[in-house]
């Protein structure tokens, strides 16, 4: 659905949400937030982006180095000759296995962890390079401002995500009921349940990628370090 169509359907879905109870500005803001929430829950917008390596810099702000970052999938490092996958870890893992990891000598990065939007590399890179990091991640949506925009493809619709427009509308209904002060009755409970069911249904639909799911070798794996 286009932004225009989403706005029409959103008013129809919650009849009390007239322009006098929920302004057009609030409606548009809520629909955009709903689209981004659905993208976050479905992880339906995979992408990748290169960014620069800075020697002896251990931390990178993902919101600054890549666009619309939501959730990471894989991180690769270019060592000057080859691309190598870094292993995802946690700060707790590094604290236990590499007690003084923050003070380790720099070298070729081997592992990373992400704390909110903060990407932490270990060991710290010992060289600088343009586009030496490549992050595979899931991105959030672009803000719809024109009636012709789409929630996921923005300027053009992504065919496989057509069905997810209904998820956006169901999430909008929940937010609209909150704005209208209708969170105590069965109506809100039903809206919440229907949204959760729709999200689960869309996850099943989007997970149908047979040529990937049937081949274990297609999944990214790396040595545990």
Protein backbone atom coordinates (compact mmCIF):
# COMPACT_ATOMS: atom_id res chain seq x y z
CA UNK A 1 0.00 0.00 0.00
CA UNK A 2 1.06 3.55 -0.60
CA UNK A 3 1.19 6.09 2.20
CA UNK A 4 -2.08 7.50 0.93
CA UNK A 5 -3.75 4.10 1.02
CA UNK A 6 -2.41 3.39 4.51
CA UNK A 7 -3.89 6.65 5.75
CA UNK A 8 -7.29 5.83 4.26
CA UNK A 9 -7.30 2.31 5.70
CA UNK A 10 -6.11 3.46 9.10
CA UNK A 11 -9.11 5.76 9.50
CA UNK A 12 -11.43 2.95 8.36
CA UNK A 13 -9.87 0.48 10.82
CA UNK A 14 -10.45 2.73 13.83
CA UNK A 15 -13.64 4.64 13.13
CA UNK A 16 -13.18 6.82 16.22
CA UNK A 17 -9.85 8.04 14.81
CA UNK A 18 -11.28 11.00 12.97
CA UNK A 19 -9.28 14.08 12.08
CA UNK A 20 -10.71 15.77 15.16
CA UNK A 21 -9.51 13.06 17.58
CA UNK A 22 -6.23 12.16 15.86
CA UNK A 23 -4.82 14.86 13.62
CA UNK A 24 -3.34 14.12 10.22
CA UNK A 25 0.10 14.99 11.55
CA UNK A 26 -0.20 12.47 14.40
CA UNK A 27 -1.65 9.90 12.01
CA UNK A 28 1.31 10.22 9.64
CA UNK A 29 3.84 10.12 12.46
CA UNK A 30 2.21 7.02 13.96
CA UNK A 31 2.06 5.21 10.62
CA UNK A 32 5.75 5.87 10.04
CA UNK A 33 6.60 4.62 13.51
CA UNK A 34 4.38 1.57 12.91
CA UNK A 35 6.20 0.77 9.67
CA UNK A 36 9.57 0.96 11.39
CA UNK A 37 8.34 -1.23 14.25
CA UNK A 38 7.15 -3.89 11.81
CA UNK A 39 10.49 -3.76 9.99
CA UNK A 40 12.21 -4.27 13.33
CA UNK A 41 10.04 -7.24 14.29
CA UNK A 42 10.15 -8.94 10.89
CA UNK A 43 13.77 -8.06 10.07
CA UNK A 44 12.55 -7.75 6.51
CA UNK A 45 14.98 -5.18 5.10
CA UNK A 46 18.39 -6.88 4.80
CA UNK A 47 21.22 -4.78 3.42
CA UNK A 48 24.95 -4.26 3.70
CA UNK A 49 27.21 -1.27 3.94
CA UNK A 50 30.94 -0.54 3.87
CA UNK A 51 32.59 1.82 6.29
CA UNK A 52 36.12 2.95 7.05
CA UNK A 53 38.54 1.38 9.49
CA UNK A 54 40.49 3.76 11.72
CA UNK A 55 43.72 2.46 13.21
CA UNK A 56 43.57 1.99 16.98
CA UNK A 57 39.88 2.88 17.10
CA UNK A 58 38.01 0.19 18.98
CA UNK A 59 34.47 1.60 18.97
CA UNK A 60 32.25 2.77 16.12
CA UNK A 61 28.85 4.47 16.28
CA UNK A 62 26.69 2.41 13.92
CA UNK A 63 24.14 5.20 13.53
CA UNK A 64 26.93 7.32 12.08
CA UNK A 65 28.69 4.80 9.83
CA UNK A 66 25.67 3.03 8.27
CA UNK A 67 22.14 4.13 7.35
CA UNK A 68 19.03 3.23 9.37
CA UNK A 69 20.73 0.51 11.42
CA UNK A 70 18.44 -1.85 13.34
CA UNK A 71 20.07 -5.26 13.89
CA UNK A 72 23.41 -6.66 12.77
CA UNK A 73 23.83 -9.98 10.98
CA UNK A 74 27.50 -10.37 9.98
CA UNK A 75 30.59 -8.20 10.03
CA UNK A 76 33.55 -8.64 7.67
CA UNK A 77 37.04 -7.15 7.76
CA UNK A 78 39.34 -6.66 4.78
CA UNK A 79 42.92 -7.51 5.73
CA UNK A 80 44.41 -6.06 2.57
CA UNK A 81 44.05 -9.28 0.60
CA UNK A 82 40.93 -11.12 1.70
CA UNK A 83 37.61 -10.56 3.42
CA UNK A 84 37.34 -12.34 6.76
CA UNK A 85 34.24 -12.78 8.89
CA UNK A 86 34.48 -11.57 12.47
CA UNK A 87 32.89 -13.62 15.21
CA UNK A 88 30.01 -12.06 17.18
CA UNK A 89 30.56 -12.14 20.92
CA UNK A 90 29.36 -10.31 24.04
CA UNK A 91 31.17 -8.01 26.43
CA UNK A 92 30.68 -10.67 29.12
CA UNK A 93 32.44 -13.24 26.92
CA UNK A 94 35.43 -10.95 26.40
CA UNK A 95 35.56 -10.05 30.08
CA UNK A 96 35.84 -13.73 31.00
CA UNK A 97 38.05 -15.07 28.20
CA UNK A 98 40.21 -11.99 27.57
CA UNK A 99 40.28 -10.23 30.93
CA UNK A 100 42.45 -7.34 29.73
CA UNK A 101 40.98 -7.16 26.23
CA UNK A 102 40.58 -3.39 26.40
CA UNK A 103 44.36 -3.03 26.73
CA UNK A 104 45.37 -5.70 24.20
CA UNK A 105 47.73 -4.76 21.40
CA UNK A 106 46.12 -3.81 18.12
CA UNK A 107 46.14 -6.25 15.22
CA UNK A 108 43.77 -7.97 12.81
CA UNK A 109 40.21 -7.80 14.21
CA UNK A 110 38.79 -11.23 15.11
CA UNK A 111 35.57 -10.59 17.01
CA UNK A 112 33.05 -7.91 17.85
CA UNK A 113 30.05 -7.12 19.98
CA UNK A 114 27.34 -4.50 19.74
CA UNK A 115 25.97 -2.55 22.68
CA UNK A 116 22.94 -0.61 21.48
CA UNK A 117 24.40 1.28 18.49
CA UNK A 118 27.99 0.97 19.68
CA UNK A 119 30.15 -1.48 17.71
CA UNK A 120 33.19 -2.72 19.63
CA UNK A 121 36.06 -4.48 17.82
CA UNK A 122 38.65 -6.85 19.31
CA UNK A 123 41.53 -6.71 18.78
CA UNK A 124 41.60 -3.05 17.84
CA UNK A 125 42.56 -2.64 14.14
CA UNK A 126 46.21 -1.80 13.62
CA UNK A 127 45.64 -0.14 10.25
CA UNK A 128 43.34 2.37 8.56
CA UNK A 129 41.51 1.71 5.34
CA UNK A 130 38.63 3.03 3.26
CA UNK A 131 35.66 0.62 3.30
CA UNK A 132 37.66 -2.04 5.18
CA UNK A 133 34.61 -3.04 7.21
CA UNK A 134 31.49 -4.50 5.60
CA UNK A 135 28.42 -4.90 7.81
CA UNK A 136 25.45 -7.03 6.84
CA UNK A 137 22.46 -5.83 8.80
CA UNK A 138 18.75 -5.15 8.81
CA UNK A 139 17.70 -1.57 8.33
CA UNK A 140 14.74 0.46 9.41
CA UNK A 141 12.30 2.19 7.12
CA UNK A 142 12.64 5.55 5.41
CA UNK A 143 10.15 8.15 6.54
CA UNK A 144 7.14 8.38 4.24
CA UNK A 145 6.43 12.01 3.39
CA UNK A 146 4.70 11.75 0.00
CA UNK A 147 1.37 10.03 -0.56
CA UNK A 148 3.09 7.95 -3.26
CA UNK A 149 5.72 6.55 -0.89
CA UNK A 150 5.67 2.90 0.22
CA UNK A 151 6.43 1.83 3.79
CA UNK A 152 9.30 -0.50 2.87
CA UNK A 153 10.46 0.30 -0.67
CA UNK A 154 9.87 4.04 -0.26
CA UNK A 155 9.85 5.09 -3.93
CA UNK A 156 8.71 1.67 -5.20
CA UNK A 157 6.95 -1.25 -3.54
CA UNK A 158 8.86 -4.40 -2.57
CA UNK A 159 6.58 -7.20 -3.84
CA UNK A 160 7.48 -9.73 -1.13
CA UNK A 161 6.48 -7.21 1.57
CA UNK A 162 3.02 -6.33 0.27
CA UNK A 163 1.40 -8.45 2.96
CA UNK A 164 3.28 -6.65 5.71
CA UNK A 165 1.20 -3.52 5.11
CA UNK A 166 -1.58 -5.14 7.13
CA UNK A 167 0.85 -5.59 10.03
CA UNK A 168 1.49 -1.85 9.93
CA UNK A 169 -2.23 -1.12 10.09
CA UNK A 170 -2.77 -3.51 13.01
CA UNK A 171 0.08 -1.88 14.94
CA UNK A 172 -1.38 1.53 14.10
CA UNK A 173 -4.72 0.38 15.55
CA UNK A 174 -3.03 -0.42 18.87
CA UNK A 175 -1.38 3.00 18.98
CA UNK A 176 -4.59 4.75 17.98
CA UNK A 177 -6.50 3.04 20.79
CA UNK A 178 -3.81 4.23 23.21
CA UNK A 179 -4.15 7.79 21.95
CA UNK A 180 -7.93 7.54 22.32
CA UNK A 181 -7.55 6.24 25.88
CA UNK A 182 -9.08 2.86 25.09
CA UNK A 183 -6.54 0.44 26.59
CA UNK A 184 -8.62 -1.05 29.41
CA UNK A 185 -11.28 -2.97 27.49
CA UNK A 186 -11.39 -6.07 25.33
CA UNK A 187 -10.98 -4.01 22.18
CA UNK A 188 -7.34 -3.28 22.94
CA UNK A 189 -6.60 -6.86 24.02
CA UNK A 190 -8.08 -8.17 20.77
CA UNK A 191 -6.11 -5.62 18.74
CA UNK A 192 -2.89 -6.67 20.46
CA UNK A 193 -3.57 -10.36 19.89
CA UNK A 194 -4.42 -9.84 16.23
CA UNK A 195 -1.24 -7.87 15.69
CA UNK A 196 0.92 -10.56 17.30
CA UNK A 197 -0.74 -13.29 15.22
CA UNK A 198 -0.22 -11.29 12.03
CA UNK A 199 3.46 -10.75 12.81
CA UNK A 200 3.95 -14.48 13.36
CA UNK A 201 2.18 -15.23 10.09
CA UNK A 202 4.34 -12.77 8.19
CA UNK A 203 7.50 -14.25 9.73
CA UNK A 204 6.52 -17.68 8.42
CA UNK A 205 5.81 -16.28 4.96
CA UNK A 206 9.09 -14.35 4.78
CA UNK A 207 11.08 -17.34 6.02
CA UNK A 208 10.15 -19.36 2.94
CA UNK A 209 13.45 -19.23 1.09
CA UNK A 210 13.95 -22.91 0.17
CA UNK A 211 17.29 -22.65 -1.60
CA UNK A 212 18.81 -21.11 1.53
CA UNK A 213 16.99 -22.94 4.31
CA UNK A 214 17.71 -26.38 2.84
CA UNK A 215 21.46 -25.81 2.58
CA UNK A 216 23.40 -25.62 5.84
CA UNK A 217 26.46 -24.45 3.94
CA UNK A 218 24.63 -21.29 3.00
CA UNK A 219 24.62 -20.10 6.60
CA UNK A 220 27.54 -17.92 7.65
CA UNK A 221 29.76 -19.65 10.17
CA UNK A 222 33.15 -18.80 11.52
CA UNK A 223 35.81 -20.25 13.75
CA UNK A 224 35.16 -19.72 17.45
CA UNK A 225 37.78 -17.33 18.80
